[in-house]
Amino acid sequence: MGSNGLPSGEGLLIRPCNSIHMFFMKFAVDAVFMDREYRIVKLVSDLKPGQVVGTVHGAWQVLEVTAGDLPESFREGVQLSVK
């Protein structure tokens, strides 16, 4: 919050987290909601300042990236590998 954006290719991982709001944000994000095993349970694209995503069933964490930066391979059900 309060930032003007995320650097290209970087994101913010928030956990534990199963809902987000965009209050006080200055830029849009794509949100990747995942369970504890990094399996994508929901994708929300182009969240604009002021919007809210309520509780996402099964989510334990969320990755936020600049809107439009998500790889096409990110889909619900895909399990990500974290290094």
C-alpha atoms as a PDB file:
ATOM      1  CA  MET A   1       0.000   0.000   0.000  1.00  0.00           C
ATOM      2  CA  GLY A   2       1.233   3.452  -0.817  1.00  0.00           C
ATOM      3  CA  SER A   3       3.719   2.128  -3.381  1.00  0.00           C
ATOM      4  CA  ASN A   4       3.590   3.212  -7.019  1.00  0.00           C
ATOM      5  CA  GLY A   5       4.093  -0.330  -8.324  1.00  0.00           C
ATOM      6  CA  LEU A   6       6.029  -3.567  -8.194  1.00  0.00           C
ATOM      7  CA  PRO A   7       9.216  -4.073 -10.216  1.00  0.00           C
ATOM      8  CA  SER A   8       8.643  -6.125 -13.373  1.00  0.00           C
ATOM      9  CA  GLY A   9       9.133  -9.826 -12.696  1.00  0.00           C
ATOM     10  CA  GLU A  10       8.626  -9.443  -8.937  1.00  0.00           C
ATOM     11  CA  GLY A  11       5.646  -9.979  -6.687  1.00  0.00           C
ATOM     12  CA  LEU A  12       4.465  -9.894  -3.109  1.00  0.00           C
ATOM     13  CA  LEU A  13       3.637 -13.173  -1.331  1.00  0.00           C
ATOM     14  CA  ILE A  14       1.246 -12.717   1.592  1.00  0.00           C
ATOM     15  CA  ARG A  15       0.572 -15.546   4.035  1.00  0.00           C
ATOM     16  CA  PRO A  16      -1.517 -16.559   5.741  1.00  0.00           C
ATOM     17  CA  CYS A  17      -4.084 -14.851   3.530  1.00  0.00           C
ATOM     18  CA  ASN A  18      -7.346 -15.893   1.852  1.00  0.00           C
ATOM     19  CA  SER A  19      -8.822 -12.502   0.880  1.00  0.00           C
ATOM     20  CA  ILE A  20      -7.440  -9.138  -0.200  1.00  0.00           C
ATOM     21  CA  HIS A  21      -8.501  -5.539  -0.637  1.00  0.00           C
ATOM     22  CA  MET A  22      -7.092  -2.849  -2.877  1.00  0.00           C
ATOM     23  CA  PHE A  23      -7.822   0.118  -0.606  1.00  0.00           C
ATOM     24  CA  PHE A  24      -5.087   2.769  -0.718  1.00  0.00           C
ATOM     25  CA  MET A  25      -3.393   1.056  -3.685  1.00  0.00           C
ATOM     26  CA  LYS A  26      -2.178   3.124  -6.641  1.00  0.00           C
ATOM     27  CA  PHE A  27      -1.909   0.398  -9.292  1.00  0.00           C
ATOM     28  CA  ALA A  28      -3.736  -2.741 -10.473  1.00  0.00           C
ATOM     29  CA  VAL A  29      -2.546  -6.268  -9.657  1.00  0.00           C
ATOM     30  CA  ASP A  30      -3.161  -9.858 -10.663  1.00  0.00           C
ATOM     31  CA  ALA A  31      -3.707 -12.111  -7.639  1.00  0.00           C
ATOM     32  CA  VAL A  32      -2.835 -15.806  -7.419  1.00  0.00           C
ATOM     33  CA  PHE A  33      -4.585 -17.492  -4.486  1.00  0.00           C
ATOM     34  CA  MET A  34      -2.879 -20.755  -3.469  1.00  0.00           C
ATOM     35  CA  ASP A  35      -3.218 -23.473  -0.866  1.00  0.00           C
ATOM     36  CA  ARG A  36      -0.357 -24.494   1.470  1.00  0.00           C
ATOM     37  CA  GLU A  37       1.185 -26.661  -1.264  1.00  0.00           C
ATOM     38  CA  TYR A  38       1.299 -23.746  -3.742  1.00  0.00           C
ATOM     39  CA  ARG A  39      -1.576 -25.169  -5.811  1.00  0.00           C
ATOM     40  CA  ILE A  40      -3.496 -22.373  -7.500  1.00  0.00           C
ATOM     41  CA  VAL A  41      -7.075 -22.303  -6.253  1.00  0.00           C
ATOM     42  CA  LYS A  42      -8.141 -18.997  -7.840  1.00  0.00           C
ATOM     43  CA  LEU A  43      -6.775 -16.360 -10.207  1.00  0.00           C
ATOM     44  CA  VAL A  44      -8.088 -12.808 -10.211  1.00  0.00           C
ATOM     45  CA  SER A  45      -6.850 -10.538 -12.999  1.00  0.00           C
ATOM     46  CA  ASP A  46      -6.615  -6.767 -13.156  1.00  0.00           C
ATOM     47  CA  LEU A  47      -7.729  -5.895  -9.621  1.00  0.00           C
ATOM     48  CA  LYS A  48      -7.996  -2.129  -9.535  1.00  0.00           C
ATOM     49  CA  PRO A  49      -7.578   0.227  -6.572  1.00  0.00           C
ATOM     50  CA  GLY A  50     -10.590   0.078  -4.268  1.00  0.00           C
ATOM     51  CA  GLN A  51     -11.698  -3.442  -5.250  1.00  0.00           C
ATOM     52  CA  VAL A  52     -12.070  -6.382  -2.839  1.00  0.00           C
ATOM     53  CA  VAL A  53     -11.748 -10.141  -3.219  1.00  0.00           C
ATOM     54  CA  GLY A  54     -13.661 -11.867  -0.431  1.00  0.00           C
ATOM     55  CA  THR A  55     -12.696 -15.135   1.207  1.00  0.00           C
ATOM     56  CA  VAL A  56     -11.341 -17.680  -1.268  1.00  0.00           C
ATOM     57  CA  HIS A  57     -12.169 -21.198  -0.069  1.00  0.00           C
ATOM     58  CA  GLY A  58      -9.033 -23.335   0.185  1.00  0.00           C
ATOM     59  CA  ALA A  59      -6.580 -20.438  -0.125  1.00  0.00           C
ATOM     60  CA  TRP A  60      -3.815 -20.023   2.424  1.00  0.00           C
ATOM     61  CA  GLN A  61      -1.621 -17.501   0.619  1.00  0.00           C
ATOM     62  CA  VAL A  62      -1.752 -15.040  -2.234  1.00  0.00           C
ATOM     63  CA  LEU A  63       0.837 -13.797  -4.692  1.00  0.00           C
ATOM     64  CA  GLU A  64       0.280 -10.297  -6.054  1.00  0.00           C
ATOM     65  CA  VAL A  65       2.018  -9.154  -9.243  1.00  0.00           C
ATOM     66  CA  THR A  66       1.572  -6.125 -11.484  1.00  0.00           C
ATOM     67  CA  ALA A  67      -1.537  -6.586 -13.634  1.00  0.00           C
ATOM     68  CA  GLY A  68      -0.653  -8.361 -16.864  1.00  0.00           C
ATOM     69  CA  ASP A  69       2.572  -9.946 -15.553  1.00  0.00           C
ATOM     70  CA  LEU A  70       1.216 -13.463 -14.893  1.00  0.00           C
ATOM     71  CA  PRO A  71       2.590 -16.218 -17.121  1.00  0.00           C
ATOM     72  CA  GLU A  72      -0.004 -17.892 -19.358  1.00  0.00           C
ATOM     73  CA  SER A  73       0.850 -21.226 -17.704  1.00  0.00           C
ATOM     74  CA  PHE A  74      -0.734 -20.066 -14.415  1.00  0.00           C
ATOM     75  CA  ARG A  75      -4.160 -21.707 -14.221  1.00  0.00           C
ATOM     76  CA  GLU A  76      -6.377 -22.985 -11.431  1.00  0.00           C
ATOM     77  CA  GLY A  77      -5.220 -26.434 -10.307  1.00  0.00           C
ATOM     78  CA  VAL A  78      -1.580 -25.896 -11.318  1.00  0.00           C
ATOM     79  CA  GLN A  79       0.917 -26.542  -8.520  1.00  0.00           C
ATOM     80  CA  LEU A  80       3.810 -24.088  -8.470  1.00  0.00           C
ATOM     81  CA  SER A  81       7.370 -24.991  -7.534  1.00  0.00           C
ATOM     82  CA  VAL A  82       9.056 -22.595  -5.119  1.00  0.00           C
ATOM     83  CA  LYS A  83      12.837 -22.333  -4.877  1.00  0.00           C
END
